Full PDB file with SEQRES, HELIX, SHEET, SSBOND, CRYST1, ORIGX, SCALE, CONECT and MASTER records, all heavy atoms in Angstrom:
SEQRES   1 A   34  GLN ALA VAL LEU LYS ILE GLU GLY GLN ASN VAL SER ALA          
SEQRES   2 A   34  ILE GLU SER ALA ASN GLU ILE ASN ARG PHE ARG TYR ASN          
SEQRES   3 A   34  LEU GLU LEU LYS GLU ASN SER ILE                              
HELIX    1 AA1 ALA A    2  ILE A    6  1                                   5    
HELIX    2 AA2 ALA A   13  SER A   33  1                                  21    
CRYST1    1.000    1.000    1.000  90.00  90.00  90.00 P 1           1          
ORIGX1      1.000000  0.000000  0.000000        0.00000                         
ORIGX2      0.000000  1.000000  0.000000        0.00000                         
ORIGX3      0.000000  0.000000  1.000000        0.00000                         
SCALE1      1.000000  0.000000  0.000000        0.00000                         
SCALE2      0.000000  1.000000  0.000000        0.00000                         
SCALE3      0.000000  0.000000  1.000000        0.00000                         
ATOM      1  N   GLN A   1       0.776  -1.184   0.004  1.00  0.00           N  
ATOM      2  CA  GLN A   1       0.038  -0.042  -0.047  1.00  0.00           C  
ATOM      3  C   GLN A   1       0.825   1.307   0.002  1.00  0.00           C  
ATOM      4  O   GLN A   1       0.572   2.247  -0.667  1.00  0.00           O  
ATOM      5  CB  GLN A   1      -1.005  -0.045   1.283  1.00  0.00           C  
ATOM      6  CG  GLN A   1      -2.009  -1.036   1.146  1.00  0.00           C  
ATOM      7  CD  GLN A   1      -2.915  -0.831  -0.042  1.00  0.00           C  
ATOM      8  OE1 GLN A   1      -3.343   0.290  -0.347  1.00  0.00           O  
ATOM      9  NE2 GLN A   1      -3.298  -1.963  -0.687  1.00  0.00           N  
ATOM     10  N   ALA A   2       1.980   1.211   0.672  1.00  0.00           N  
ATOM     11  CA  ALA A   2       2.900   2.402   0.743  1.00  0.00           C  
ATOM     12  C   ALA A   2       3.428   2.661  -0.624  1.00  0.00           C  
ATOM     13  O   ALA A   2       3.528   3.826  -1.053  1.00  0.00           O  
ATOM     14  CB  ALA A   2       3.930   2.201   1.764  1.00  0.00           C  
ATOM     15  N   VAL A   3       3.847   1.569  -1.391  1.00  0.00           N  
ATOM     16  CA  VAL A   3       4.352   1.786  -2.749  1.00  0.00           C  
ATOM     17  C   VAL A   3       3.309   2.245  -3.599  1.00  0.00           C  
ATOM     18  O   VAL A   3       3.563   3.200  -4.437  1.00  0.00           O  
ATOM     19  CB  VAL A   3       5.003   0.431  -3.223  1.00  0.00           C  
ATOM     20  CG1 VAL A   3       5.235   0.530  -4.734  1.00  0.00           C  
ATOM     21  CG2 VAL A   3       6.087  -0.047  -2.399  1.00  0.00           C  
ATOM     22  N   LEU A   4       2.040   1.781  -3.517  1.00  0.00           N  
ATOM     23  CA  LEU A   4       0.967   2.243  -4.311  1.00  0.00           C  
ATOM     24  C   LEU A   4       0.770   3.849  -4.203  1.00  0.00           C  
ATOM     25  O   LEU A   4       0.452   4.578  -5.174  1.00  0.00           O  
ATOM     26  CB  LEU A   4      -0.333   1.615  -4.141  1.00  0.00           C  
ATOM     27  CG  LEU A   4      -0.331   0.111  -4.585  1.00  0.00           C  
ATOM     28  CD1 LEU A   4      -1.594  -0.538  -4.068  1.00  0.00           C  
ATOM     29  CD2 LEU A   4      -0.251   0.100  -6.059  1.00  0.00           C  
ATOM     30  N   LYS A   5       0.885   4.242  -2.941  1.00  0.00           N  
ATOM     31  CA  LYS A   5       0.702   5.662  -2.650  1.00  0.00           C  
ATOM     32  C   LYS A   5       1.792   6.573  -3.356  1.00  0.00           C  
ATOM     33  O   LYS A   5       1.569   7.669  -3.642  1.00  0.00           O  
ATOM     34  CB  LYS A   5       0.586   5.942  -1.186  1.00  0.00           C  
ATOM     35  CG  LYS A   5      -0.630   5.359  -0.520  1.00  0.00           C  
ATOM     36  CD  LYS A   5      -0.671   5.539   0.981  1.00  0.00           C  
ATOM     37  CE  LYS A   5      -1.904   4.908   1.649  1.00  0.00           C  
ATOM     38  NZ  LYS A   5      -1.887   5.069   3.057  1.00  0.00           N  
ATOM     39  N   ILE A   6       3.064   6.023  -3.251  1.00  0.00           N  
ATOM     40  CA  ILE A   6       4.164   6.726  -3.670  1.00  0.00           C  
ATOM     41  C   ILE A   6       4.397   6.784  -5.213  1.00  0.00           C  
ATOM     42  O   ILE A   6       4.819   7.779  -5.878  1.00  0.00           O  
ATOM     43  CB  ILE A   6       5.361   6.324  -3.042  1.00  0.00           C  
ATOM     44  CG1 ILE A   6       5.439   6.704  -1.630  1.00  0.00           C  
ATOM     45  CG2 ILE A   6       6.717   6.694  -3.714  1.00  0.00           C  
ATOM     46  CD1 ILE A   6       6.515   6.080  -0.739  1.00  0.00           C  
ATOM     47  N   GLU A   7       4.015   5.712  -5.853  1.00  0.00           N  
ATOM     48  CA  GLU A   7       4.352   5.526  -7.307  1.00  0.00           C  
ATOM     49  C   GLU A   7       3.331   6.205  -8.249  1.00  0.00           C  
ATOM     50  O   GLU A   7       3.494   6.110  -9.452  1.00  0.00           O  
ATOM     51  CB  GLU A   7       4.306   4.094  -7.646  1.00  0.00           C  
ATOM     52  CG  GLU A   7       3.001   3.322  -7.578  1.00  0.00           C  
ATOM     53  CD  GLU A   7       2.918   2.260  -8.527  1.00  0.00           C  
ATOM     54  OE1 GLU A   7       3.956   1.806  -9.128  1.00  0.00           O  
ATOM     55  OE2 GLU A   7       1.831   1.743  -8.769  1.00  0.00           O  
ATOM     56  N   GLY A   8       2.369   6.932  -7.725  1.00  0.00           N  
ATOM     57  CA  GLY A   8       1.390   7.633  -8.594  1.00  0.00           C  
ATOM     58  C   GLY A   8       2.104   8.535  -9.508  1.00  0.00           C  
ATOM     59  O   GLY A   8       3.073   9.251  -9.154  1.00  0.00           O  
ATOM     60  N   GLN A   9       1.531   8.757 -10.780  1.00  0.00           N  
ATOM     61  CA  GLN A   9       2.192   9.531 -11.749  1.00  0.00           C  
ATOM     62  C   GLN A   9       2.405  11.046 -11.277  1.00  0.00           C  
ATOM     63  O   GLN A   9       3.329  11.641 -11.688  1.00  0.00           O  
ATOM     64  CB  GLN A   9       1.366   9.469 -13.022  1.00  0.00           C  
ATOM     65  CG  GLN A   9       2.009  10.086 -14.292  1.00  0.00           C  
ATOM     66  CD  GLN A   9       2.967   9.223 -15.012  1.00  0.00           C  
ATOM     67  OE1 GLN A   9       3.339   8.204 -14.448  1.00  0.00           O  
ATOM     68  NE2 GLN A   9       3.327   9.583 -16.155  1.00  0.00           N  
ATOM     69  N   ASN A  10       1.350  11.514 -10.558  1.00  0.00           N  
ATOM     70  CA  ASN A  10       1.379  12.939 -10.283  1.00  0.00           C  
ATOM     71  C   ASN A  10       1.687  13.179  -8.856  1.00  0.00           C  
ATOM     72  O   ASN A  10       1.571  14.320  -8.358  1.00  0.00           O  
ATOM     73  CB  ASN A  10       0.057  13.592 -10.568  1.00  0.00           C  
ATOM     74  CG  ASN A  10      -0.267  13.679 -12.114  1.00  0.00           C  
ATOM     75  OD1 ASN A  10       0.594  13.356 -12.881  1.00  0.00           O  
ATOM     76  ND2 ASN A  10      -1.509  13.909 -12.454  1.00  0.00           N  
ATOM     77  N   VAL A  11       2.183  12.141  -8.011  1.00  0.00           N  
ATOM     78  CA  VAL A  11       2.540  12.365  -6.677  1.00  0.00           C  
ATOM     79  C   VAL A  11       3.695  13.182  -6.538  1.00  0.00           C  
ATOM     80  O   VAL A  11       4.694  12.927  -7.338  1.00  0.00           O  
ATOM     81  CB  VAL A  11       2.762  10.980  -5.960  1.00  0.00           C  
ATOM     82  CG1 VAL A  11       3.342  11.175  -4.629  1.00  0.00           C  
ATOM     83  CG2 VAL A  11       1.429  10.215  -5.943  1.00  0.00           C  
ATOM     84  N   SER A  12       3.787  14.130  -5.667  1.00  0.00           N  
ATOM     85  CA  SER A  12       4.938  15.033  -5.540  1.00  0.00           C  
ATOM     86  C   SER A  12       5.952  14.474  -4.587  1.00  0.00           C  
ATOM     87  O   SER A  12       5.669  13.645  -3.812  1.00  0.00           O  
ATOM     88  CB  SER A  12       4.453  16.489  -5.080  1.00  0.00           C  
ATOM     89  OG  SER A  12       4.008  16.367  -3.777  1.00  0.00           O  
ATOM     90  N   ALA A  13       7.133  14.995  -4.539  1.00  0.00           N  
ATOM     91  CA  ALA A  13       8.197  14.581  -3.713  1.00  0.00           C  
ATOM     92  C   ALA A  13       7.770  14.957  -2.294  1.00  0.00           C  
ATOM     93  O   ALA A  13       8.254  14.134  -1.365  1.00  0.00           O  
ATOM     94  CB  ALA A  13       9.524  15.369  -4.041  1.00  0.00           C  
ATOM     95  N   ILE A  14       7.102  15.949  -1.934  1.00  0.00           N  
ATOM     96  CA  ILE A  14       6.682  16.236  -0.627  1.00  0.00           C  
ATOM     97  C   ILE A  14       5.704  15.230  -0.139  1.00  0.00           C  
ATOM     98  O   ILE A  14       5.753  14.756   1.010  1.00  0.00           O  
ATOM     99  CB  ILE A  14       5.963  17.675  -0.585  1.00  0.00           C  
ATOM    100  CG1 ILE A  14       6.673  18.737  -1.537  1.00  0.00           C  
ATOM    101  CG2 ILE A  14       5.849  18.168   0.863  1.00  0.00           C  
ATOM    102  CD1 ILE A  14       8.087  18.905  -1.303  1.00  0.00           C  
ATOM    103  N   GLU A  15       4.786  14.800  -0.920  1.00  0.00           N  
ATOM    104  CA  GLU A  15       3.777  13.836  -0.541  1.00  0.00           C  
ATOM    105  C   GLU A  15       4.437  12.441  -0.389  1.00  0.00           C  
ATOM    106  O   GLU A  15       4.226  11.752   0.678  1.00  0.00           O  
ATOM    107  CB  GLU A  15       2.661  13.659  -1.600  1.00  0.00           C  
ATOM    108  CG  GLU A  15       1.822  14.905  -1.757  1.00  0.00           C  
ATOM    109  CD  GLU A  15       0.892  14.805  -3.004  1.00  0.00           C  
ATOM    110  OE1 GLU A  15       1.433  14.530  -4.024  1.00  0.00           O  
ATOM    111  OE2 GLU A  15      -0.335  15.034  -2.888  1.00  0.00           O  
ATOM    112  N   SER A  16       5.416  12.140  -1.191  1.00  0.00           N  
ATOM    113  CA  SER A  16       6.260  10.857  -1.015  1.00  0.00           C  
ATOM    114  C   SER A  16       7.029  10.935   0.288  1.00  0.00           C  
ATOM    115  O   SER A  16       6.973   9.893   0.981  1.00  0.00           O  
ATOM    116  CB  SER A  16       7.141  10.785  -2.229  1.00  0.00           C  
ATOM    117  OG  SER A  16       7.914   9.630  -1.999  1.00  0.00           O  
ATOM    118  N   ALA A  17       7.650  12.063   0.532  1.00  0.00           N  
ATOM    119  CA  ALA A  17       8.421  12.119   1.857  1.00  0.00           C  
ATOM    120  C   ALA A  17       7.538  12.034   3.095  1.00  0.00           C  
ATOM    121  O   ALA A  17       7.917  11.343   4.029  1.00  0.00           O  
ATOM    122  CB  ALA A  17       9.158  13.521   1.825  1.00  0.00           C  
ATOM    123  N   ASN A  18       6.362  12.615   3.060  1.00  0.00           N  
ATOM    124  CA  ASN A  18       5.475  12.510   4.136  1.00  0.00           C  
ATOM    125  C   ASN A  18       4.992  11.087   4.382  1.00  0.00           C  
ATOM    126  O   ASN A  18       4.880  10.491   5.438  1.00  0.00           O  
ATOM    127  CB  ASN A  18       4.214  13.357   3.936  1.00  0.00           C  
ATOM    128  CG  ASN A  18       4.611  14.839   4.089  1.00  0.00           C  
ATOM    129  OD1 ASN A  18       5.574  15.155   4.735  1.00  0.00           O  
ATOM    130  ND2 ASN A  18       3.753  15.688   3.563  1.00  0.00           N  
ATOM    131  N   GLU A  19       4.718  10.341   3.254  1.00  0.00           N  
ATOM    132  CA  GLU A  19       4.262   9.073   3.344  1.00  0.00           C  
ATOM    133  C   GLU A  19       5.323   8.083   3.837  1.00  0.00           C  
ATOM    134  O   GLU A  19       5.074   7.252   4.753  1.00  0.00           O  
ATOM    135  CB  GLU A  19       3.817   8.444   2.007  1.00  0.00           C  
ATOM    136  CG  GLU A  19       3.322   7.074   1.941  1.00  0.00           C  
ATOM    137  CD  GLU A  19       2.064   6.784   2.806  1.00  0.00           C  
ATOM    138  OE1 GLU A  19       1.256   7.817   2.917  1.00  0.00           O  
ATOM    139  OE2 GLU A  19       1.947   5.788   3.379  1.00  0.00           O  
ATOM    140  N   ILE A  20       6.577   8.276   3.465  1.00  0.00           N  
ATOM    141  CA  ILE A  20       7.711   7.514   3.972  1.00  0.00           C  
ATOM    142  C   ILE A  20       7.968   7.767   5.460  1.00  0.00           C  
ATOM    143  O   ILE A  20       8.217   6.810   6.177  1.00  0.00           O  
ATOM    144  CB  ILE A  20       8.958   7.737   3.050  1.00  0.00           C  
ATOM    145  CG1 ILE A  20       8.851   7.163   1.704  1.00  0.00           C  
ATOM    146  CG2 ILE A  20      10.186   7.254   3.778  1.00  0.00           C  
ATOM    147  CD1 ILE A  20       9.905   7.493   0.764  1.00  0.00           C  
ATOM    148  N   ASN A  21       7.800   9.008   5.843  1.00  0.00           N  
ATOM    149  CA  ASN A  21       8.056   9.364   7.194  1.00  0.00           C  
ATOM    150  C   ASN A  21       6.932   8.780   8.101  1.00  0.00           C  
ATOM    151  O   ASN A  21       7.275   8.200   9.219  1.00  0.00           O  
ATOM    152  CB  ASN A  21       8.032  10.858   7.403  1.00  0.00           C  
ATOM    153  CG  ASN A  21       9.359  11.514   6.859  1.00  0.00           C  
ATOM    154  OD1 ASN A  21      10.330  10.874   6.742  1.00  0.00           O  
ATOM    155  ND2 ASN A  21       9.126  12.795   6.497  1.00  0.00           N  
ATOM    156  N   ARG A  22       5.705   8.751   7.589  1.00  0.00           N  
ATOM    157  CA  ARG A  22       4.529   8.151   8.415  1.00  0.00           C  
ATOM    158  C   ARG A  22       4.781   6.601   8.468  1.00  0.00           C  
ATOM    159  O   ARG A  22       4.554   5.999   9.544  1.00  0.00           O  
ATOM    160  CB  ARG A  22       3.258   8.413   7.677  1.00  0.00           C  
ATOM    161  CG  ARG A  22       2.758   9.773   8.073  1.00  0.00           C  
ATOM    162  CD  ARG A  22       1.283   9.912   7.581  1.00  0.00           C  
ATOM    163  NE  ARG A  22       1.043   9.779   6.180  1.00  0.00           N  
ATOM    164  CZ  ARG A  22       1.026  10.702   5.312  1.00  0.00           C  
ATOM    165  NH1 ARG A  22       1.186  11.956   5.780  1.00  0.00           N  
ATOM    166  NH2 ARG A  22       0.843  10.504   4.010  1.00  0.00           N  
ATOM    167  N   PHE A  23       5.214   5.972   7.382  1.00  0.00           N  
ATOM    168  CA  PHE A  23       5.524   4.606   7.326  1.00  0.00           C  
ATOM    169  C   PHE A  23       6.654   4.183   8.248  1.00  0.00           C  
ATOM    170  O   PHE A  23       6.551   3.185   8.972  1.00  0.00           O  
ATOM    171  CB  PHE A  23       5.782   4.225   5.818  1.00  0.00           C  
ATOM    172  CG  PHE A  23       5.811   2.757   5.685  1.00  0.00           C  
ATOM    173  CD1 PHE A  23       4.770   1.856   5.986  1.00  0.00           C  
ATOM    174  CD2 PHE A  23       7.034   2.155   5.121  1.00  0.00           C  
ATOM    175  CE1 PHE A  23       4.882   0.568   5.756  1.00  0.00           C  
ATOM    176  CE2 PHE A  23       7.095   0.766   4.904  1.00  0.00           C  
ATOM    177  CZ  PHE A  23       6.019  -0.027   5.228  1.00  0.00           C  
ATOM    178  N   ARG A  24       7.631   5.020   8.288  1.00  0.00           N  
ATOM    179  CA  ARG A  24       8.816   4.698   9.134  1.00  0.00           C  
ATOM    180  C   ARG A  24       8.434   4.866  10.671  1.00  0.00           C  
ATOM    181  O   ARG A  24       8.899   4.044  11.498  1.00  0.00           O  
ATOM    182  CB  ARG A  24       9.936   5.672   8.757  1.00  0.00           C  
ATOM    183  CG  ARG A  24      11.257   5.474   9.577  1.00  0.00           C  
ATOM    184  CD  ARG A  24      12.329   6.378   8.990  1.00  0.00           C  
ATOM    185  NE  ARG A  24      11.916   7.766   9.235  1.00  0.00           N  
ATOM    186  CZ  ARG A  24      12.546   8.676   8.762  1.00  0.00           C  
ATOM    187  NH1 ARG A  24      13.578   8.575   7.901  1.00  0.00           N  
ATOM    188  NH2 ARG A  24      12.163   9.947   8.972  1.00  0.00           N  
ATOM    189  N   TYR A  25       7.525   5.851  10.906  1.00  0.00           N  
ATOM    190  CA  TYR A  25       7.152   6.036  12.355  1.00  0.00           C  
ATOM    191  C   TYR A  25       6.245   4.841  12.738  1.00  0.00           C  
ATOM    192  O   TYR A  25       6.318   4.334  13.827  1.00  0.00           O  
ATOM    193  CB  TYR A  25       6.298   7.262  12.378  1.00  0.00           C  
ATOM    194  CG  TYR A  25       5.745   7.528  13.769  1.00  0.00           C  
ATOM    195  CD1 TYR A  25       6.579   7.736  14.985  1.00  0.00           C  
ATOM    196  CD2 TYR A  25       4.349   7.480  14.026  1.00  0.00           C  
ATOM    197  CE1 TYR A  25       5.975   7.959  16.178  1.00  0.00           C  
ATOM    198  CE2 TYR A  25       3.855   7.643  15.260  1.00  0.00           C  
ATOM    199  CZ  TYR A  25       4.624   7.970  16.334  1.00  0.00           C  
ATOM    200  OH  TYR A  25       4.067   8.134  17.604  1.00  0.00           O  
ATOM    201  N   ASN A  26       5.462   4.303  11.732  1.00  0.00           N  
ATOM    202  CA  ASN A  26       4.549   3.149  12.013  1.00  0.00           C  
ATOM    203  C   ASN A  26       5.427   1.854  12.330  1.00  0.00           C  
ATOM    204  O   ASN A  26       5.094   1.064  13.221  1.00  0.00           O  
ATOM    205  CB  ASN A  26       3.640   2.896  10.803  1.00  0.00           C  
ATOM    206  CG  ASN A  26       2.762   1.691  11.062  1.00  0.00           C  
ATOM    207  OD1 ASN A  26       3.097   0.581  10.640  1.00  0.00           O  
ATOM    208  ND2 ASN A  26       1.608   1.875  11.518  1.00  0.00           N  
ATOM    209  N   LEU A  27       6.508   1.736  11.622  1.00  0.00           N  
ATOM    210  CA  LEU A  27       7.372   0.621  11.854  1.00  0.00           C  
ATOM    211  C   LEU A  27       8.076   0.768  13.207  1.00  0.00           C  
ATOM    212  O   LEU A  27       8.287  -0.315  13.944  1.00  0.00           O  
ATOM    213  CB  LEU A  27       8.519   0.501  10.794  1.00  0.00           C  
ATOM    214  CG  LEU A  27       7.992   0.075   9.411  1.00  0.00           C  
ATOM    215  CD1 LEU A  27       9.138   0.304   8.360  1.00  0.00           C  
ATOM    216  CD2 LEU A  27       7.512  -1.327   9.335  1.00  0.00           C  
ATOM    217  N   GLU A  28       8.410   1.948  13.610  1.00  0.00           N  
ATOM    218  CA  GLU A  28       9.040   2.124  14.896  1.00  0.00           C  
ATOM    219  C   GLU A  28       8.137   1.820  16.005  1.00  0.00           C  
ATOM    220  O   GLU A  28       8.433   1.168  16.995  1.00  0.00           O  
ATOM    221  CB  GLU A  28       9.471   3.597  15.069  1.00  0.00           C  
ATOM    222  CG  GLU A  28      10.212   3.934  16.342  1.00  0.00           C  
ATOM    223  CD  GLU A  28      10.623   5.374  16.453  1.00  0.00           C  
ATOM    224  OE1 GLU A  28      10.474   6.153  15.365  1.00  0.00           O  
ATOM    225  OE2 GLU A  28      11.174   5.757  17.526  1.00  0.00           O  
ATOM    226  N   LEU A  29       6.836   2.102  15.900  1.00  0.00           N  
ATOM    227  CA  LEU A  29       5.814   1.734  16.881  1.00  0.00           C  
ATOM    228  C   LEU A  29       5.638   0.273  16.957  1.00  0.00           C  
ATOM    229  O   LEU A  29       5.483  -0.336  18.073  1.00  0.00           O  
ATOM    230  CB  LEU A  29       4.478   2.468  16.638  1.00  0.00           C  
ATOM    231  CG  LEU A  29       4.367   3.900  16.744  1.00  0.00           C  
ATOM    232  CD1 LEU A  29       2.989   4.443  16.352  1.00  0.00           C  
ATOM    233  CD2 LEU A  29       4.780   4.334  18.171  1.00  0.00           C  
ATOM    234  N   LYS A  30       5.656  -0.406  15.817  1.00  0.00           N  
ATOM    235  CA  LYS A  30       5.529  -1.890  15.773  1.00  0.00           C  
ATOM    236  C   LYS A  30       6.754  -2.553  16.489  1.00  0.00           C  
ATOM    237  O   LYS A  30       6.637  -3.525  17.148  1.00  0.00           O  
ATOM    238  CB  LYS A  30       5.421  -2.392  14.330  1.00  0.00           C  
ATOM    239  CG  LYS A  30       4.057  -2.046  13.720  1.00  0.00           C  
ATOM    240  CD  LYS A  30       3.849  -2.535  12.290  1.00  0.00           C  
ATOM    241  CE  LYS A  30       2.527  -2.240  11.788  1.00  0.00           C  
ATOM    242  NZ  LYS A  30       2.378  -2.717  10.387  1.00  0.00           N  
ATOM    243  N   GLU A  31       7.921  -1.956  16.246  1.00  0.00           N  
ATOM    244  CA  GLU A  31       9.118  -2.540  16.837  1.00  0.00           C  
ATOM    245  C   GLU A  31       8.993  -2.437  18.375  1.00  0.00           C  
ATOM    246  O   GLU A  31       9.316  -3.356  19.058  1.00  0.00           O  
ATOM    247  CB  GLU A  31      10.385  -1.753  16.278  1.00  0.00           C  
ATOM    248  CG  GLU A  31      11.704  -2.266  17.030  1.00  0.00           C  
ATOM    249  CD  GLU A  31      12.829  -1.272  16.684  1.00  0.00           C  
ATOM    250  OE1 GLU A  31      12.629  -0.311  15.951  1.00  0.00           O  
ATOM    251  OE2 GLU A  31      13.918  -1.597  17.208  1.00  0.00           O  
ATOM    252  N   ASN A  32       8.622  -1.263  18.806  1.00  0.00           N  
ATOM    253  CA  ASN A  32       8.568  -0.971  20.284  1.00  0.00           C  
ATOM    254  C   ASN A  32       7.448  -1.933  20.852  1.00  0.00           C  
ATOM    255  O   ASN A  32       7.613  -2.324  22.134  1.00  0.00           O  
ATOM    256  CB  ASN A  32       8.245   0.473  20.574  1.00  0.00           C  
ATOM    257  CG  ASN A  32       9.412   1.415  20.146  1.00  0.00           C  
ATOM    258  OD1 ASN A  32      10.512   0.914  20.047  1.00  0.00           O  
ATOM    259  ND2 ASN A  32       9.075   2.613  19.849  1.00  0.00           N  
ATOM    260  N   SER A  33       6.404  -2.185  20.187  1.00  0.00           N  
ATOM    261  CA  SER A  33       5.303  -2.854  20.770  1.00  0.00           C  
ATOM    262  C   SER A  33       5.465  -4.433  20.439  1.00  0.00           C  
ATOM    263  O   SER A  33       4.658  -5.277  20.861  1.00  0.00           O  
ATOM    264  CB  SER A  33       4.023  -2.421  20.180  1.00  0.00           C  
ATOM    265  OG  SER A  33       3.819  -1.085  20.362  1.00  0.00           O  
ATOM    266  N   ILE A  34       6.488  -4.778  19.704  1.00  0.00           N  
ATOM    267  CA  ILE A  34       6.709  -6.186  19.119  1.00  0.00           C  
ATOM    268  C   ILE A  34       5.331  -6.668  18.655  1.00  0.00           C  
ATOM    269  O   ILE A  34       4.722  -7.652  19.140  1.00  0.00           O  
ATOM    270  CB  ILE A  34       7.219  -7.062  20.288  1.00  0.00           C  
ATOM    271  CG1 ILE A  34       8.371  -6.397  20.979  1.00  0.00           C  
ATOM    272  CG2 ILE A  34       7.642  -8.412  19.611  1.00  0.00           C  
ATOM    273  CD1 ILE A  34       9.054  -7.216  22.130  1.00  0.00           C  
TER     274      ILE A  34                                                      
MASTER        0    0    0    2    0    0    0    6  273    1    0    3          
END                                                                             
């Protein structure tokens, strides 16, 4: 789903960066919560 949001033809670099940051934060929470 993260790749689908980023690979859109008209998605901007700002939107892509925000999505990656949200995704990275989500992974951090999962790591902390195992």
